[in-house]
Amino acid sequence: MTINVYTEQTPNPATMKFMVNKLLINGSEDFATKESAEHSPFAKELFKFNFVNGVFFASNFVTITKTEDAEWPDIEPILKEFVKGAVESEYKIKEDTSDEAPVFEGTDLEIKIQQILHDYVRPAVEQDGGAISYKSFDEGVVTVELRGSCSGCPSSTITLKSGIQNLLQRMVPEVKEVISEAL
């Protein structure tokens, strides 16, 4: 199989989404630091580039966060070529991969919130090179974590309040607010 890599800009100017024509991972993996990539051969190699500041994998893409001093026109072709070679060489994203379906836990209401986030919100957030995960539900407040390009993105507050919060409030009247741990 010939591996093709193409890039997409994300709403976060510091991140770029590198799409490939192959499933890389079921779910997602976030490596916000070089140290966190210790058990990921793929991410570990990416962090060897001095302009890589973060790596996030989901389905068929890797989102790479650059350092402030790097410019996309200079580094994009280098990263594109590296991603192509890494996928062709079958670098592992994490050493202990499991292909299990997501398991939702908690009360019936919490499970319903997690299912909505998984079915409706996750695909949209992944389109922008990010990921969302459920953290908790307490007294009407849903806490989520935004990762990948969504972490630190200037438009993530709008996405959180206008998109995710409105959707959850329509589908689960008990939800009063949605907040994020990583804005």
N, C-alpha and C. Protein backbone atom coordinates (compact mmCIF):
# COMPACT_ATOMS: atom_id res chain seq x y z
N MET A 1 0.84 -1.19 0.00
CA MET A 1 0.00 0.00 0.00
C MET A 1 0.88 1.25 0.00
N THR A 2 0.59 2.14 -0.91
CA THR A 2 1.30 3.42 -0.96
C THR A 2 0.70 4.35 0.08
N ILE A 3 1.55 4.90 0.92
CA ILE A 3 1.08 5.82 1.96
C ILE A 3 1.12 7.24 1.40
N ASN A 4 -0.02 7.91 1.51
CA ASN A 4 -0.12 9.31 1.11
C ASN A 4 -0.31 10.15 2.37
N VAL A 5 0.36 11.28 2.40
CA VAL A 5 0.24 12.20 3.53
C VAL A 5 -0.15 13.56 2.99
N TYR A 6 -1.18 14.13 3.57
CA TYR A 6 -1.51 15.51 3.23
C TYR A 6 -1.79 16.27 4.51
N THR A 7 -1.63 17.57 4.44
CA THR A 7 -1.76 18.38 5.64
C THR A 7 -3.02 19.23 5.59
N GLU A 8 -3.50 19.53 6.78
CA GLU A 8 -4.63 20.46 6.94
C GLU A 8 -4.28 21.40 8.06
N GLN A 9 -4.60 22.66 7.87
CA GLN A 9 -4.44 23.61 8.95
C GLN A 9 -5.52 23.33 9.98
N THR A 10 -5.25 23.68 11.22
CA THR A 10 -6.24 23.54 12.28
C THR A 10 -6.59 24.94 12.77
N PRO A 11 -7.63 25.07 13.57
CA PRO A 11 -7.92 26.41 14.12
C PRO A 11 -6.80 26.96 15.00
N ASN A 12 -5.93 26.09 15.47
CA ASN A 12 -4.79 26.51 16.29
C ASN A 12 -3.59 26.73 15.37
N PRO A 13 -3.10 27.96 15.22
CA PRO A 13 -1.99 28.23 14.29
C PRO A 13 -0.68 27.52 14.64
N ALA A 14 -0.55 27.04 15.87
CA ALA A 14 0.68 26.35 16.27
C ALA A 14 0.65 24.86 15.93
N THR A 15 -0.49 24.37 15.44
CA THR A 15 -0.59 22.94 15.13
C THR A 15 -1.00 22.72 13.69
N MET A 16 -0.53 21.60 13.15
CA MET A 16 -0.89 21.19 11.80
C MET A 16 -1.29 19.71 11.86
N LYS A 17 -2.28 19.37 11.08
CA LYS A 17 -2.81 18.00 11.03
C LYS A 17 -2.20 17.30 9.82
N PHE A 18 -1.54 16.16 10.07
CA PHE A 18 -0.94 15.36 9.01
C PHE A 18 -1.79 14.10 8.83
N MET A 19 -2.58 14.09 7.77
CA MET A 19 -3.53 13.01 7.50
C MET A 19 -2.84 11.94 6.66
N VAL A 20 -3.15 10.67 6.94
CA VAL A 20 -2.63 9.56 6.13
C VAL A 20 -3.79 8.67 5.69
N ASN A 21 -3.57 7.90 4.64
CA ASN A 21 -4.63 7.05 4.10
C ASN A 21 -4.58 5.66 4.75
N LYS A 22 -4.39 5.64 6.06
CA LYS A 22 -4.33 4.39 6.80
C LYS A 22 -4.74 4.67 8.25
N LEU A 23 -5.47 3.75 8.86
CA LEU A 23 -5.82 3.90 10.27
C LEU A 23 -4.56 3.75 11.11
N LEU A 24 -4.27 4.74 11.94
CA LEU A 24 -3.08 4.70 12.79
C LEU A 24 -3.39 4.15 14.17
N ILE A 25 -4.57 4.50 14.69
CA ILE A 25 -4.91 4.13 16.07
C ILE A 25 -6.42 4.19 16.26
N ASN A 26 -6.94 3.27 17.03
CA ASN A 26 -8.33 3.35 17.48
C ASN A 26 -8.30 4.19 18.75
N GLY A 27 -9.02 5.28 18.77
CA GLY A 27 -8.98 6.18 19.91
C GLY A 27 -7.97 7.29 19.65
N SER A 28 -7.29 7.72 20.70
CA SER A 28 -6.31 8.80 20.53
C SER A 28 -5.22 8.69 21.60
N GLU A 29 -4.10 9.30 21.30
CA GLU A 29 -2.97 9.36 22.23
C GLU A 29 -2.37 10.76 22.14
N ASP A 30 -2.16 11.37 23.28
CA ASP A 30 -1.62 12.73 23.34
C ASP A 30 -0.26 12.71 24.03
N PHE A 31 0.73 13.29 23.38
CA PHE A 31 2.07 13.40 23.96
C PHE A 31 2.42 14.88 23.98
N ALA A 32 2.09 15.53 25.09
CA ALA A 32 2.27 16.97 25.21
C ALA A 32 3.73 17.35 25.49
N THR A 33 4.52 16.37 25.94
CA THR A 33 5.93 16.64 26.24
C THR A 33 6.80 15.51 25.69
N LYS A 34 8.05 15.80 25.53
CA LYS A 34 9.02 14.81 25.07
C LYS A 34 9.06 13.62 26.04
N GLU A 35 9.00 13.92 27.33
CA GLU A 35 9.06 12.88 28.36
C GLU A 35 7.86 11.93 28.28
N SER A 36 6.70 12.46 27.95
CA SER A 36 5.49 11.62 27.88
C SER A 36 5.54 10.65 26.71
N ALA A 37 6.43 10.89 25.75
CA ALA A 37 6.52 10.05 24.55
C ALA A 37 7.46 8.86 24.72
N GLU A 38 7.92 8.63 25.91
CA GLU A 38 8.91 7.57 26.18
C GLU A 38 8.47 6.19 25.66
N HIS A 39 7.17 5.87 25.74
CA HIS A 39 6.67 4.55 25.32
C HIS A 39 5.98 4.60 23.96
N SER A 40 6.31 5.61 23.17
CA SER A 40 5.76 5.72 21.83
C SER A 40 6.91 5.91 20.84
N PRO A 41 7.30 4.84 20.14
CA PRO A 41 8.39 4.99 19.18
C PRO A 41 8.13 6.09 18.14
N PHE A 42 6.88 6.21 17.66
CA PHE A 42 6.53 7.21 16.65
C PHE A 42 6.71 8.63 17.22
N ALA A 43 6.09 8.89 18.37
CA ALA A 43 6.16 10.23 18.97
C ALA A 43 7.59 10.55 19.41
N LYS A 44 8.29 9.56 19.95
CA LYS A 44 9.66 9.76 20.41
C LYS A 44 10.55 10.26 19.26
N GLU A 45 10.38 9.67 18.08
CA GLU A 45 11.15 10.10 16.91
C GLU A 45 10.77 11.51 16.47
N LEU A 46 9.48 11.84 16.53
CA LEU A 46 9.04 13.20 16.17
C LEU A 46 9.66 14.24 17.10
N PHE A 47 9.75 13.92 18.39
CA PHE A 47 10.31 14.87 19.34
C PHE A 47 11.82 15.09 19.14
N LYS A 48 12.44 14.26 18.32
CA LYS A 48 13.87 14.48 18.03
C LYS A 48 14.08 15.72 17.16
N PHE A 49 12.99 16.16 16.48
CA PHE A 49 13.05 17.42 15.74
C PHE A 49 12.95 18.55 16.77
N ASN A 50 13.90 19.48 16.77
CA ASN A 50 13.89 20.53 17.79
C ASN A 50 12.73 21.51 17.65
N PHE A 51 11.99 21.43 16.56
CA PHE A 51 10.85 22.34 16.37
C PHE A 51 9.51 21.68 16.72
N VAL A 52 9.53 20.45 17.20
CA VAL A 52 8.29 19.76 17.60
C VAL A 52 8.07 19.97 19.09
N ASN A 53 6.87 20.46 19.43
CA ASN A 53 6.55 20.82 20.80
C ASN A 53 5.42 19.97 21.37
N GLY A 54 4.75 19.19 20.54
CA GLY A 54 3.66 18.34 20.99
C GLY A 54 3.21 17.44 19.86
N VAL A 55 2.72 16.24 20.21
CA VAL A 55 2.30 15.25 19.22
C VAL A 55 1.00 14.62 19.71
N PHE A 56 0.03 14.52 18.80
CA PHE A 56 -1.27 13.95 19.13
C PHE A 56 -1.71 13.04 17.99
N PHE A 57 -2.11 11.81 18.31
CA PHE A 57 -2.57 10.85 17.31
C PHE A 57 -4.05 10.55 17.52
N ALA A 58 -4.79 10.42 16.42
CA ALA A 58 -6.17 9.93 16.46
C ALA A 58 -6.50 9.38 15.08
N SER A 59 -7.25 8.32 15.05
CA SER A 59 -7.67 7.61 13.84
C SER A 59 -6.59 7.63 12.74
N ASN A 60 -6.76 8.45 11.71
CA ASN A 60 -5.82 8.43 10.59
C ASN A 60 -4.98 9.70 10.48
N PHE A 61 -4.66 10.31 11.61
CA PHE A 61 -3.84 11.52 11.54
C PHE A 61 -2.96 11.69 12.77
N VAL A 62 -1.94 12.51 12.59
CA VAL A 62 -1.12 12.97 13.70
C VAL A 62 -1.13 14.50 13.64
N THR A 63 -1.43 15.11 14.77
CA THR A 63 -1.39 16.57 14.87
C THR A 63 -0.08 16.93 15.56
N ILE A 64 0.66 17.81 14.94
CA ILE A 64 1.96 18.20 15.48
C ILE A 64 1.92 19.68 15.86
N THR A 65 2.36 19.96 17.08
CA THR A 65 2.47 21.33 17.56
C THR A 65 3.93 21.75 17.42
N LYS A 66 4.12 22.92 16.82
CA LYS A 66 5.49 23.41 16.57
C LYS A 66 5.90 24.38 17.66
N THR A 67 7.20 24.62 17.74
CA THR A 67 7.71 25.65 18.64
C THR A 67 7.41 27.02 18.03
N GLU A 68 7.45 28.04 18.86
CA GLU A 68 7.11 29.39 18.40
C GLU A 68 8.02 29.90 17.30
N ASP A 69 9.29 29.55 17.36
CA ASP A 69 10.26 30.09 16.39
C ASP A 69 10.24 29.37 15.04
N ALA A 70 9.55 28.25 14.94
CA ALA A 70 9.50 27.50 13.67
C ALA A 70 8.38 28.04 12.78
N GLU A 71 8.58 27.96 11.48
CA GLU A 71 7.58 28.41 10.51
C GLU A 71 7.11 27.21 9.70
N TRP A 72 5.80 27.06 9.54
CA TRP A 72 5.24 25.91 8.83
C TRP A 72 5.82 25.72 7.42
N PRO A 73 5.99 26.78 6.63
CA PRO A 73 6.55 26.54 5.28
C PRO A 73 7.93 25.88 5.32
N ASP A 74 8.69 26.12 6.37
CA ASP A 74 10.03 25.52 6.49
C ASP A 74 9.98 24.07 6.97
N ILE A 75 9.08 23.76 7.91
CA ILE A 75 9.11 22.44 8.53
C ILE A 75 8.06 21.46 8.00
N GLU A 76 7.01 21.97 7.37
CA GLU A 76 5.94 21.08 6.89
C GLU A 76 6.45 19.98 5.95
N PRO A 77 7.28 20.30 4.93
CA PRO A 77 7.74 19.22 4.05
C PRO A 77 8.59 18.17 4.77
N ILE A 78 9.38 18.60 5.74
CA ILE A 78 10.22 17.69 6.52
C ILE A 78 9.34 16.73 7.32
N LEU A 79 8.33 17.30 7.99
CA LEU A 79 7.44 16.48 8.81
C LEU A 79 6.58 15.55 7.95
N LYS A 80 6.14 16.05 6.81
CA LYS A 80 5.35 15.23 5.89
C LYS A 80 6.13 13.99 5.46
N GLU A 81 7.36 14.19 5.09
CA GLU A 81 8.22 13.08 4.67
C GLU A 81 8.48 12.12 5.82
N PHE A 82 8.71 12.68 7.01
CA PHE A 82 8.94 11.81 8.17
C PHE A 82 7.71 10.97 8.49
N VAL A 83 6.53 11.60 8.52
CA VAL A 83 5.29 10.87 8.82
C VAL A 83 5.08 9.75 7.80
N LYS A 84 5.28 10.04 6.54
CA LYS A 84 5.15 9.02 5.48
C LYS A 84 6.07 7.83 5.77
N GLY A 85 7.34 8.11 6.03
CA GLY A 85 8.30 7.05 6.31
C GLY A 85 7.97 6.27 7.58
N ALA A 86 7.52 6.98 8.61
CA ALA A 86 7.18 6.32 9.87
C ALA A 86 5.99 5.39 9.72
N VAL A 87 4.99 5.82 8.94
CA VAL A 87 3.81 4.97 8.71
C VAL A 87 4.20 3.77 7.85
N GLU A 88 4.99 4.00 6.81
CA GLU A 88 5.45 2.90 5.96
C GLU A 88 6.29 1.90 6.76
N SER A 89 7.07 2.38 7.70
CA SER A 89 7.91 1.51 8.53
C SER A 89 7.14 0.91 9.71
N GLU A 90 5.86 1.29 9.82
CA GLU A 90 4.96 0.79 10.87
C GLU A 90 5.46 1.09 12.28
N TYR A 91 5.95 2.32 12.47
CA TYR A 91 6.31 2.76 13.83
C TYR A 91 5.08 2.63 14.71
N LYS A 92 5.26 2.17 15.90
CA LYS A 92 4.14 2.04 16.83
C LYS A 92 3.87 3.38 17.51
N ILE A 93 2.58 3.64 17.72
CA ILE A 93 2.18 4.86 18.42
C ILE A 93 2.33 4.66 19.91
N LYS A 94 1.98 3.47 20.37
CA LYS A 94 2.26 3.11 21.75
C LYS A 94 2.57 1.62 21.78
N GLU A 95 3.39 1.25 22.72
CA GLU A 95 3.88 -0.12 22.73
C GLU A 95 2.83 -1.15 23.11
N ASP A 96 1.84 -0.78 23.89
CA ASP A 96 0.81 -1.73 24.29
C ASP A 96 -0.53 -1.31 23.70
N THR A 97 -0.72 -1.57 22.40
CA THR A 97 -1.94 -1.14 21.73
C THR A 97 -3.06 -2.13 21.98
N SER A 98 -4.24 -1.60 22.25
CA SER A 98 -5.43 -2.44 22.38
C SER A 98 -6.53 -1.81 21.55
N ASP A 99 -7.29 -2.63 20.90
CA ASP A 99 -8.34 -2.15 19.99
C ASP A 99 -9.73 -2.28 20.61
N GLU A 100 -9.84 -2.00 21.87
CA GLU A 100 -11.11 -2.16 22.56
C GLU A 100 -12.02 -0.96 22.31
N ALA A 101 -13.32 -1.24 22.32
CA ALA A 101 -14.31 -0.18 22.20
C ALA A 101 -14.30 0.63 23.50
N PRO A 102 -14.73 1.89 23.43
CA PRO A 102 -14.73 2.71 24.64
C PRO A 102 -15.68 2.14 25.70
N VAL A 103 -15.28 2.26 26.95
CA VAL A 103 -16.10 1.81 28.06
C VAL A 103 -16.55 3.05 28.82
N PHE A 104 -17.84 3.21 28.94
CA PHE A 104 -18.39 4.36 29.66
C PHE A 104 -18.78 3.91 31.06
N GLU A 105 -18.45 4.73 32.05
CA GLU A 105 -18.72 4.39 33.43
C GLU A 105 -19.46 5.51 34.13
N GLY A 106 -20.14 5.16 35.22
CA GLY A 106 -20.83 6.14 36.04
C GLY A 106 -22.32 5.89 36.06
N THR A 107 -23.06 6.93 36.44
CA THR A 107 -24.52 6.84 36.50
C THR A 107 -25.07 6.79 35.07
N ASP A 108 -26.36 6.48 34.95
CA ASP A 108 -26.99 6.47 33.63
C ASP A 108 -26.82 7.81 32.93
N LEU A 109 -26.95 8.90 33.69
CA LEU A 109 -26.81 10.25 33.13
C LEU A 109 -25.37 10.48 32.64
N GLU A 110 -24.38 10.07 33.42
CA GLU A 110 -22.98 10.22 33.02
C GLU A 110 -22.67 9.39 31.77
N ILE A 111 -23.22 8.20 31.71
CA ILE A 111 -23.01 7.34 30.54
C ILE A 111 -23.64 7.98 29.30
N LYS A 112 -24.82 8.58 29.46
CA LYS A 112 -25.47 9.27 28.34
C LYS A 112 -24.61 10.44 27.85
N ILE A 113 -24.05 11.22 28.77
CA ILE A 113 -23.18 12.35 28.41
C ILE A 113 -21.94 11.85 27.67
N GLN A 114 -21.31 10.79 28.18
CA GLN A 114 -20.12 10.23 27.55
C GLN A 114 -20.43 9.71 26.14
N GLN A 115 -21.60 9.08 25.99
CA GLN A 115 -21.99 8.55 24.68
C GLN A 115 -22.20 9.68 23.68
N ILE A 116 -22.82 10.77 24.11
CA ILE A 116 -23.04 11.93 23.22
C ILE A 116 -21.69 12.54 22.83
N LEU A 117 -20.79 12.70 23.80
CA LEU A 117 -19.47 13.24 23.49
C LEU A 117 -18.75 12.34 22.49
N HIS A 118 -18.85 11.03 22.67
CA HIS A 118 -18.18 10.08 21.78
C HIS A 118 -18.79 10.08 20.38
N ASP A 119 -20.12 10.05 20.30
CA ASP A 119 -20.81 9.90 19.01
C ASP A 119 -20.91 11.19 18.21
N TYR A 120 -21.11 12.32 18.89
CA TYR A 120 -21.39 13.57 18.18
C TYR A 120 -20.23 14.57 18.21
N VAL A 121 -19.59 14.71 19.36
CA VAL A 121 -18.58 15.74 19.52
C VAL A 121 -17.20 15.26 19.04
N ARG A 122 -16.82 14.05 19.43
CA ARG A 122 -15.49 13.53 19.09
C ARG A 122 -15.18 13.62 17.59
N PRO A 123 -16.09 13.16 16.70
CA PRO A 123 -15.76 13.24 15.27
C PRO A 123 -15.51 14.68 14.79
N ALA A 124 -16.28 15.62 15.29
CA ALA A 124 -16.11 17.02 14.88
C ALA A 124 -14.79 17.59 15.40
N VAL A 125 -14.46 17.28 16.63
CA VAL A 125 -13.21 17.77 17.22
C VAL A 125 -12.01 17.14 16.50
N GLU A 126 -12.14 15.85 16.14
CA GLU A 126 -11.06 15.18 15.42
C GLU A 126 -10.83 15.81 14.04
N GLN A 127 -11.90 16.32 13.43
CA GLN A 127 -11.76 17.00 12.13
C GLN A 127 -10.77 18.15 12.22
N ASP A 128 -10.72 18.79 13.39
CA ASP A 128 -9.82 19.92 13.60
C ASP A 128 -8.49 19.50 14.21
N GLY A 129 -8.25 18.19 14.27
CA GLY A 129 -6.96 17.70 14.77
C GLY A 129 -6.86 17.59 16.27
N GLY A 130 -7.99 17.52 16.94
CA GLY A 130 -7.97 17.44 18.40
C GLY A 130 -8.76 16.27 18.93
N ALA A 131 -8.93 16.25 20.23
CA ALA A 131 -9.71 15.21 20.89
C ALA A 131 -10.34 15.78 22.13
N ILE A 132 -11.41 15.12 22.55
CA ILE A 132 -12.11 15.52 23.77
C ILE A 132 -12.33 14.27 24.60
N SER A 133 -12.17 14.41 25.91
CA SER A 133 -12.49 13.29 26.78
C SER A 133 -13.27 13.79 27.98
N TYR A 134 -14.18 12.96 28.42
CA TYR A 134 -15.04 13.24 29.56
C TYR A 134 -14.23 13.09 30.84
N LYS A 135 -14.39 14.03 31.76
CA LYS A 135 -13.72 13.94 33.05
C LYS A 135 -14.72 13.70 34.19
N SER A 136 -15.78 14.56 34.25
CA SER A 136 -16.73 14.41 35.35
C SER A 136 -18.02 15.17 35.07
N PHE A 137 -19.04 14.85 35.90
CA PHE A 137 -20.31 15.57 35.89
C PHE A 137 -20.69 15.79 37.34
N ASP A 138 -20.81 17.06 37.73
CA ASP A 138 -21.11 17.38 39.12
C ASP A 138 -22.02 18.59 39.19
N GLU A 139 -23.20 18.42 39.77
CA GLU A 139 -24.18 19.49 39.96
C GLU A 139 -24.42 20.30 38.69
N GLY A 140 -24.65 19.59 37.58
CA GLY A 140 -24.98 20.24 36.32
C GLY A 140 -23.79 20.67 35.48
N VAL A 141 -22.57 20.52 35.99
CA VAL A 141 -21.37 20.95 35.27
C VAL A 141 -20.62 19.74 34.73
N VAL A 142 -20.46 19.72 33.40
CA VAL A 142 -19.68 18.68 32.74
C VAL A 142 -18.27 19.21 32.57
N THR A 143 -17.28 18.45 33.02
CA THR A 143 -15.88 18.82 32.83
C THR A 143 -15.29 17.88 31.78
N VAL A 144 -14.66 18.48 30.77
CA VAL A 144 -14.02 17.71 29.71
C VAL A 144 -12.56 18.13 29.62
N GLU A 145 -11.80 17.34 28.89
CA GLU A 145 -10.40 17.71 28.62
C GLU A 145 -10.25 17.79 27.11
N LEU A 146 -9.68 18.89 26.64
CA LEU A 146 -9.40 19.07 25.22
C LEU A 146 -7.92 18.82 24.99
N ARG A 147 -7.61 18.02 23.95
CA ARG A 147 -6.22 17.69 23.65
C ARG A 147 -5.95 17.91 22.17
N GLY A 148 -4.69 17.71 21.80
CA GLY A 148 -4.30 17.90 20.41
C GLY A 148 -4.36 19.37 20.05
N SER A 149 -4.84 19.67 18.86
CA SER A 149 -4.87 21.07 18.43
C SER A 149 -5.86 21.90 19.24
N CYS A 150 -6.81 21.24 19.92
CA CYS A 150 -7.80 21.96 20.71
C CYS A 150 -7.21 22.54 22.00
N SER A 151 -6.14 21.94 22.49
CA SER A 151 -5.51 22.41 23.71
C SER A 151 -4.79 23.72 23.41
N GLY A 152 -5.24 24.78 24.03
CA GLY A 152 -4.62 26.08 23.83
C GLY A 152 -5.05 26.79 22.56
N CYS A 153 -6.03 26.26 21.86
CA CYS A 153 -6.50 26.88 20.63
C CYS A 153 -7.32 28.13 20.95
N PRO A 154 -7.11 29.22 20.21
CA PRO A 154 -7.87 30.45 20.46
C PRO A 154 -9.38 30.27 20.32
N SER A 155 -9.84 29.37 19.45
CA SER A 155 -11.28 29.23 19.24
C SER A 155 -11.91 28.11 20.08
N SER A 156 -11.13 27.48 20.97
CA SER A 156 -11.69 26.36 21.74
C SER A 156 -12.77 26.80 22.72
N THR A 157 -12.70 28.01 23.23
CA THR A 157 -13.75 28.49 24.13
C THR A 157 -15.08 28.61 23.39
N ILE A 158 -15.04 29.10 22.17
CA ILE A 158 -16.26 29.21 21.35
C ILE A 158 -16.80 27.81 21.07
N THR A 159 -15.93 26.89 20.69
CA THR A 159 -16.34 25.51 20.44
C THR A 159 -16.98 24.91 21.68
N LEU A 160 -16.36 25.13 22.82
CA LEU A 160 -16.83 24.57 24.08
C LEU A 160 -18.20 25.12 24.45
N LYS A 161 -18.35 26.43 24.42
CA LYS A 161 -19.60 27.05 24.88
C LYS A 161 -20.70 27.02 23.82
N SER A 162 -20.38 27.42 22.59
CA SER A 162 -21.42 27.51 21.55
C SER A 162 -21.76 26.15 20.95
N GLY A 163 -20.79 25.27 20.89
CA GLY A 163 -21.03 23.98 20.27
C GLY A 163 -21.36 22.89 21.26
N ILE A 164 -20.39 22.49 22.04
CA ILE A 164 -20.52 21.34 22.94
C ILE A 164 -21.56 21.59 24.03
N GLN A 165 -21.48 22.75 24.69
CA GLN A 165 -22.43 23.05 25.76
C GLN A 165 -23.86 23.09 25.24
N ASN A 166 -24.08 23.77 24.11
CA ASN A 166 -25.43 23.86 23.55
C ASN A 166 -25.98 22.48 23.18
N LEU A 167 -25.15 21.64 22.57
CA LEU A 167 -25.56 20.29 22.18
C LEU A 167 -25.95 19.47 23.42
N LEU A 168 -25.08 19.47 24.43
CA LEU A 168 -25.37 18.69 25.63
C LEU A 168 -26.61 19.20 26.35
N GLN A 169 -26.80 20.53 26.41
CA GLN A 169 -27.97 21.08 27.08
C GLN A 169 -29.27 20.69 26.37
N ARG A 170 -29.21 20.61 25.02
CA ARG A 170 -30.40 20.18 24.26
C ARG A 170 -30.70 18.70 24.50
N MET A 171 -29.66 17.88 24.56
CA MET A 171 -29.86 16.43 24.65
C MET A 171 -29.96 15.92 26.09
N VAL A 172 -29.40 16.66 27.04
CA VAL A 172 -29.43 16.28 28.45
C VAL A 172 -29.77 17.54 29.26
N PRO A 173 -31.06 17.76 29.53
CA PRO A 173 -31.49 18.99 30.21
C PRO A 173 -30.80 19.23 31.56
N GLU A 174 -30.29 18.20 32.20
CA GLU A 174 -29.62 18.36 33.49
C GLU A 174 -28.29 19.09 33.37
N VAL A 175 -27.74 19.18 32.17
CA VAL A 175 -26.46 19.87 31.97
C VAL A 175 -26.70 21.38 31.97
N LYS A 176 -25.98 22.06 32.85
CA LYS A 176 -26.09 23.52 32.96
C LYS A 176 -24.90 24.23 32.32
N GLU A 177 -23.73 23.58 32.38
CA GLU A 177 -22.51 24.22 31.87
C GLU A 177 -21.49 23.14 31.50
N VAL A 178 -20.60 23.49 30.54
CA VAL A 178 -19.49 22.61 30.18
C VAL A 178 -18.22 23.42 30.33
N ILE A 179 -17.27 22.85 31.07
CA ILE A 179 -15.98 23.51 31.26
C ILE A 179 -14.85 22.55 30.83
N SER A 180 -13.68 23.11 30.59
CA SER A 180 -12.54 22.30 30.16
C SER A 180 -11.37 22.48 31.11
N GLU A 181 -10.65 21.38 31.33
CA GLU A 181 -9.45 21.43 32.15
C GLU A 181 -8.25 21.95 31.38
N ALA A 182 -8.30 21.91 30.04
CA ALA A 182 -7.11 22.26 29.25
C ALA A 182 -7.39 23.34 28.23
N LEU A 183 -7.89 24.46 28.67
CA LEU A 183 -8.16 25.57 27.73
C LEU A 183 -6.99 26.51 27.67
